[in-house]
């Protein structure tokens, strides 16, 4: 569930614990508070019954390191475009792996070539346990593609290191 920075820490704690009490099928809550409220994010993480993922709060390795040191989140969303590319994303993933923190690879509105890089990145890092590559639903087919893609599907969680894929369905 992505709260997109929509709650205060107090609201987040109340809502997330209510969701946990209702035993809803929620794997984690993404960025429940403002990106610049790291103390609030840490407070929420320490006081809820579901894992908390940082997203908008992580742009750089230094951001990730600060969140890890503060115990401000349980998971981190890595977006290649947001972090500045593969080398910086790799540094964040390796930092998280060293602390036993799982990650998700997400995206923004990106071209298919960027999504392919994200799939390769996710496949190469054992601690990337979630993938959210929904940009394929938001963009027109790339003119460089040989076939027109009418629908994409994505694995949203990875049960084992060997199964992760994004595939075109209904290609013409």
Protein backbone atom coordinates (compact mmCIF):
# COMPACT_ATOMS: atom_id res chain seq x y z
CA UNK A 1 0.00 0.00 0.00
CA UNK A 2 1.47 3.34 -1.01
CA UNK A 3 0.43 6.21 1.21
CA UNK A 4 2.45 8.66 -0.94
CA UNK A 5 3.44 10.87 2.01
CA UNK A 6 -0.22 11.42 2.84
CA UNK A 7 -0.25 11.06 6.62
CA UNK A 8 1.20 12.66 9.69
CA UNK A 9 3.12 10.21 11.89
CA UNK A 10 0.15 10.00 14.28
CA UNK A 11 -2.29 9.29 11.43
CA UNK A 12 0.08 6.72 9.93
CA UNK A 13 0.46 4.81 13.18
CA UNK A 14 -3.29 4.74 13.71
CA UNK A 15 -4.11 3.67 10.13
CA UNK A 16 -1.34 1.09 9.75
CA UNK A 17 -2.09 -0.56 13.09
CA UNK A 18 -5.78 -0.65 12.20
CA UNK A 19 -4.91 -2.36 8.90
CA UNK A 20 -2.76 -4.86 10.79
CA UNK A 21 -5.58 -5.52 13.30
CA UNK A 22 -7.99 -6.20 10.42
CA UNK A 23 -5.53 -8.76 9.03
CA UNK A 24 -5.75 -7.27 5.55
CA UNK A 25 -3.45 -8.68 2.90
CA UNK A 26 -0.99 -5.75 3.02
CA UNK A 27 2.68 -6.65 2.58
CA UNK A 28 4.04 -3.22 3.52
CA UNK A 29 3.16 0.46 3.65
CA UNK A 30 5.18 2.71 1.38
CA UNK A 31 6.23 6.23 2.39
CA UNK A 32 3.47 6.95 4.91
CA UNK A 33 4.80 10.39 5.92
CA UNK A 34 6.50 13.33 4.20
CA UNK A 35 9.84 12.48 2.62
CA UNK A 36 11.64 15.09 4.70
CA UNK A 37 10.18 13.83 8.00
CA UNK A 38 12.77 11.15 8.76
CA UNK A 39 12.17 11.30 12.49
CA UNK A 40 8.46 10.81 11.84
CA UNK A 41 9.21 7.88 9.53
CA UNK A 42 11.39 6.29 12.21
CA UNK A 43 8.65 6.83 14.80
CA UNK A 44 6.08 5.18 12.54
CA UNK A 45 8.38 2.24 11.77
CA UNK A 46 8.98 1.63 15.48
CA UNK A 47 5.29 1.71 16.34
CA UNK A 48 3.40 -0.27 13.69
CA UNK A 49 2.64 -3.91 12.99
CA UNK A 50 3.44 -3.84 9.25
CA UNK A 51 6.74 -3.24 7.45
CA UNK A 52 7.36 0.36 6.36
CA UNK A 53 9.07 1.15 3.04
CA UNK A 54 10.93 4.38 2.29
CA UNK A 55 10.51 5.68 -1.26
CA UNK A 56 10.47 9.44 -1.78
CA UNK A 57 12.90 9.78 1.13
CA UNK A 58 15.63 7.92 -0.81
CA UNK A 59 17.42 9.60 -3.70
CA UNK A 60 21.06 8.94 -2.87
CA UNK A 61 23.30 6.46 -1.09
CA UNK A 62 23.64 9.02 1.69
CA UNK A 63 19.84 9.17 2.08
CA UNK A 64 19.68 5.39 2.34
CA UNK A 65 22.54 5.29 4.84
CA UNK A 66 20.82 7.86 7.02
CA UNK A 67 17.53 5.92 6.97
CA UNK A 68 19.31 2.67 7.79
CA UNK A 69 21.26 4.25 10.67
CA UNK A 70 18.07 5.79 12.06
CA UNK A 71 16.14 2.50 11.73
CA UNK A 72 13.60 4.67 9.93
CA UNK A 73 12.27 1.95 7.61
CA UNK A 74 12.10 -1.79 7.10
CA UNK A 75 12.36 -1.71 3.28
CA UNK A 76 13.69 0.66 0.63
CA UNK A 77 12.29 1.38 -2.84
CA UNK A 78 15.09 1.91 -5.37
CA UNK A 79 14.22 3.75 -8.57
CA UNK A 80 17.01 3.87 -11.13
CA UNK A 81 16.03 7.28 -12.51
CA UNK A 82 15.66 8.78 -9.02
CA UNK A 83 19.01 7.49 -7.79
CA UNK A 84 20.91 8.56 -10.90
CA UNK A 85 21.40 5.19 -12.56
CA UNK A 86 22.73 1.71 -12.05
CA UNK A 87 25.93 2.51 -10.15
CA UNK A 88 24.20 4.53 -7.44
CA UNK A 89 21.29 2.09 -7.24
CA UNK A 90 23.80 -0.74 -6.80
CA UNK A 91 25.45 1.10 -3.91
CA UNK A 92 22.07 1.47 -2.21
CA UNK A 93 21.13 -2.19 -2.80
CA UNK A 94 24.49 -3.35 -1.43
CA UNK A 95 24.14 -1.11 1.62
CA UNK A 96 20.70 -2.56 2.29
CA UNK A 97 21.93 -6.13 1.75
CA UNK A 98 24.66 -5.54 4.32
CA UNK A 99 22.01 -4.60 6.89
CA UNK A 100 19.57 -7.35 5.91
CA UNK A 101 17.10 -4.88 4.43
CA UNK A 102 15.01 -6.00 1.47
CA UNK A 103 14.29 -3.66 -1.40
CA UNK A 104 11.79 -3.02 -4.14
CA UNK A 105 12.69 -1.79 -7.60
CA UNK A 106 10.19 0.81 -8.71
CA UNK A 107 9.96 3.22 -11.58
CA UNK A 108 8.59 6.53 -12.71
CA UNK A 109 7.12 7.16 -16.13
CA UNK A 110 9.99 5.67 -18.12
CA UNK A 111 10.73 4.20 -21.52
CA UNK A 112 10.78 0.42 -22.02
CA UNK A 113 14.59 0.45 -22.15
CA UNK A 114 14.64 1.87 -18.60
CA UNK A 115 12.23 -0.82 -17.46
CA UNK A 116 14.50 -3.45 -19.01
CA UNK A 117 17.41 -2.04 -17.02
CA UNK A 118 15.28 -2.16 -13.86
CA UNK A 119 14.40 -5.81 -14.49
CA UNK A 120 18.08 -6.66 -14.99
CA UNK A 121 19.00 -4.74 -11.84
CA UNK A 122 16.34 -6.52 -9.78
CA UNK A 123 17.45 -9.89 -11.10
CA UNK A 124 21.03 -9.21 -10.07
CA UNK A 125 20.29 -8.37 -6.41
CA UNK A 126 19.05 -11.05 -4.04
CA UNK A 127 17.62 -8.53 -1.59
CA UNK A 128 15.31 -7.07 -4.24
CA UNK A 129 12.18 -8.91 -3.22
CA UNK A 130 9.56 -6.67 -4.84
CA UNK A 131 9.20 -5.11 -8.27
CA UNK A 132 6.78 -2.32 -9.20
CA UNK A 133 7.33 -1.50 -12.85
CA UNK A 134 3.95 -0.10 -13.77
CA UNK A 135 5.28 2.59 -16.12
CA UNK A 136 4.52 0.29 -19.02
CA UNK A 137 0.85 0.99 -18.39
CA UNK A 138 1.39 4.75 -18.56
CA UNK A 139 3.40 5.21 -21.75
CA UNK A 140 2.84 4.83 -25.45
CA UNK A 141 4.79 2.03 -27.12
CA UNK A 142 8.40 2.98 -27.79
CA UNK A 143 9.04 3.80 -31.43
CA UNK A 144 12.22 1.74 -31.27
CA UNK A 145 10.31 -1.43 -30.36
CA UNK A 146 9.84 -3.82 -33.25
CA UNK A 147 6.45 -4.91 -31.98
CA UNK A 148 3.60 -3.02 -30.45
CA UNK A 149 3.06 -4.00 -26.81
CA UNK A 150 -0.58 -3.84 -25.77
CA UNK A 151 -0.20 -4.93 -22.16
CA UNK A 152 2.62 -5.63 -19.71
CA UNK A 153 2.60 -7.89 -16.70
CA UNK A 154 5.06 -7.70 -13.85
CA UNK A 155 5.95 -9.95 -10.97
CA UNK A 156 5.19 -7.95 -7.83
CA UNK A 157 7.06 -10.13 -5.40
CA UNK A 158 9.74 -12.69 -5.89
CA UNK A 159 9.30 -16.10 -4.22
CA UNK A 160 12.81 -17.17 -5.18
CA UNK A 161 15.91 -15.58 -6.67
CA UNK A 162 15.38 -17.34 -9.97
CA UNK A 163 11.90 -16.08 -10.79
CA UNK A 164 11.44 -12.50 -11.86
CA UNK A 165 10.13 -11.32 -15.16
CA UNK A 166 8.42 -8.62 -17.07
CA UNK A 167 6.85 -9.77 -20.28
CA UNK A 168 4.81 -8.28 -23.03
CA UNK A 169 1.40 -9.78 -23.57
CA UNK A 170 -0.51 -9.42 -26.79
CA UNK A 171 2.47 -8.15 -28.79
CA UNK A 172 1.71 -7.55 -32.43
